[in-house]
Amino acid sequence: MANETETKITNEVKELSSVINYNTSEDVNNCEITIRDGNGKLLAYTIVYATSELNCNYQADKYLEQYIADHS
């Protein structure tokens, strides 16, 4: 029974994806991160400050990792 549960969680995690929208202006760098499941349902959303687009991507990866850890 435990194996079935672990497999289900693993399969759900594989379907998660983060979508990043990086916006810049003179005085603000917003990194908008959304996490959606395989069906496109919104699971999590946040906006954080990012120093660059690369930093935004890094923060999105960490946000997704933390979401998976919190919901596993």
C-alpha atoms as a PDB file:
ATOM      1  CA  MET A   1       0.000   0.000   0.000  1.00  0.00           C
ATOM      2  CA  ALA A   2       2.817   2.428   0.818  1.00  0.00           C
ATOM      3  CA  ASN A   3       4.367   1.876  -2.586  1.00  0.00           C
ATOM      4  CA  GLU A   4       1.135   2.876  -4.336  1.00  0.00           C
ATOM      5  CA  THR A   5       0.987   6.104  -2.347  1.00  0.00           C
ATOM      6  CA  GLU A   6       4.628   6.947  -3.050  1.00  0.00           C
ATOM      7  CA  THR A   7       4.128   6.292  -6.761  1.00  0.00           C
ATOM      8  CA  LYS A   8       1.049   8.521  -6.832  1.00  0.00           C
ATOM      9  CA  ILE A   9       2.945  11.392  -5.184  1.00  0.00           C
ATOM     10  CA  THR A  10       5.891  10.934  -7.543  1.00  0.00           C
ATOM     11  CA  ASN A  11       3.609  10.997 -10.581  1.00  0.00           C
ATOM     12  CA  GLU A  12       1.849  14.134  -9.358  1.00  0.00           C
ATOM     13  CA  VAL A  13       5.166  15.889  -8.738  1.00  0.00           C
ATOM     14  CA  LYS A  14       6.357  15.080 -12.264  1.00  0.00           C
ATOM     15  CA  GLU A  15       3.329  16.931 -13.638  1.00  0.00           C
ATOM     16  CA  LEU A  16       4.022  20.140 -11.701  1.00  0.00           C
ATOM     17  CA  SER A  17       5.581  23.010 -13.563  1.00  0.00           C
ATOM     18  CA  SER A  18       6.500  26.577 -12.752  1.00  0.00           C
ATOM     19  CA  VAL A  19       5.757  29.451 -15.095  1.00  0.00           C
ATOM     20  CA  ILE A  20       7.899  32.545 -14.811  1.00  0.00           C
ATOM     21  CA  ASN A  21       7.103  36.085 -15.856  1.00  0.00           C
ATOM     22  CA  TYR A  22      10.000  38.480 -15.290  1.00  0.00           C
ATOM     23  CA  ASN A  23       9.135  42.193 -15.397  1.00  0.00           C
ATOM     24  CA  THR A  24      11.607  45.057 -15.176  1.00  0.00           C
ATOM     25  CA  SER A  25      11.205  48.786 -14.911  1.00  0.00           C
ATOM     26  CA  GLU A  26      13.453  51.582 -13.664  1.00  0.00           C
ATOM     27  CA  ASP A  27      12.909  50.903  -9.983  1.00  0.00           C
ATOM     28  CA  VAL A  28      11.462  47.408  -9.669  1.00  0.00           C
ATOM     29  CA  ASN A  29      12.378  43.886 -10.791  1.00  0.00           C
ATOM     30  CA  ASN A  30       9.450  41.554 -10.193  1.00  0.00           C
ATOM     31  CA  CYS A  31       9.712  37.808 -10.595  1.00  0.00           C
ATOM     32  CA  GLU A  32       6.199  36.387 -10.878  1.00  0.00           C
ATOM     33  CA  ILE A  33       6.058  32.623 -10.264  1.00  0.00           C
ATOM     34  CA  THR A  34       3.063  30.345 -10.695  1.00  0.00           C
ATOM     35  CA  ILE A  35       2.927  26.604 -10.102  1.00  0.00           C
ATOM     36  CA  ARG A  36       0.362  24.595 -12.043  1.00  0.00           C
ATOM     37  CA  ASP A  37      -0.507  20.919 -12.195  1.00  0.00           C
ATOM     38  CA  GLY A  38      -0.658  18.839 -15.364  1.00  0.00           C
ATOM     39  CA  ASN A  39      -4.197  20.083 -16.060  1.00  0.00           C
ATOM     40  CA  GLY A  40      -3.207  23.742 -15.785  1.00  0.00           C
ATOM     41  CA  LYS A  41      -4.861  24.229 -12.372  1.00  0.00           C
ATOM     42  CA  LEU A  42      -3.181  26.993 -10.370  1.00  0.00           C
ATOM     43  CA  LEU A  43      -1.604  25.561  -7.208  1.00  0.00           C
ATOM     44  CA  ALA A  44       0.624  28.385  -5.995  1.00  0.00           C
ATOM     45  CA  TYR A  45       1.481  31.960  -6.913  1.00  0.00           C
ATOM     46  CA  THR A  46       4.027  34.473  -5.661  1.00  0.00           C
ATOM     47  CA  ILE A  47       5.875  37.599  -6.705  1.00  0.00           C
ATOM     48  CA  VAL A  48       9.436  38.081  -5.454  1.00  0.00           C
ATOM     49  CA  TYR A  49      12.181  40.610  -6.091  1.00  0.00           C
ATOM     50  CA  ALA A  50      14.835  39.367  -8.519  1.00  0.00           C
ATOM     51  CA  THR A  51      18.137  40.951  -9.484  1.00  0.00           C
ATOM     52  CA  SER A  52      18.083  39.449 -12.984  1.00  0.00           C
ATOM     53  CA  GLU A  53      16.159  37.041 -15.186  1.00  0.00           C
ATOM     54  CA  LEU A  54      18.656  34.321 -14.244  1.00  0.00           C
ATOM     55  CA  ASN A  55      18.020  35.047 -10.559  1.00  0.00           C
ATOM     56  CA  CYS A  56      14.280  34.847 -11.245  1.00  0.00           C
ATOM     57  CA  ASN A  57      14.725  31.403 -12.818  1.00  0.00           C
ATOM     58  CA  TYR A  58      16.783  30.278  -9.805  1.00  0.00           C
ATOM     59  CA  GLN A  59      14.138  31.515  -7.361  1.00  0.00           C
ATOM     60  CA  ALA A  60      11.404  29.780  -9.365  1.00  0.00           C
ATOM     61  CA  ASP A  61      13.307  26.481  -9.177  1.00  0.00           C
ATOM     62  CA  LYS A  62      13.682  26.880  -5.407  1.00  0.00           C
ATOM     63  CA  TYR A  63      10.002  27.826  -5.011  1.00  0.00           C
ATOM     64  CA  LEU A  64       8.954  24.712  -6.941  1.00  0.00           C
ATOM     65  CA  GLU A  65      11.307  22.519  -4.875  1.00  0.00           C
ATOM     66  CA  GLN A  66       9.865  23.955  -1.649  1.00  0.00           C
ATOM     67  CA  TYR A  67       6.293  23.468  -2.882  1.00  0.00           C
ATOM     68  CA  ILE A  68       7.040  19.817  -3.676  1.00  0.00           C
ATOM     69  CA  ALA A  69       8.683  19.312  -0.270  1.00  0.00           C
ATOM     70  CA  ASP A  70       5.726  20.901   1.531  1.00  0.00           C
ATOM     71  CA  HIS A  71       3.149  18.791  -0.333  1.00  0.00           C
ATOM     72  CA  SER A  72       4.849  15.398  -0.444  1.00  0.00           C
END
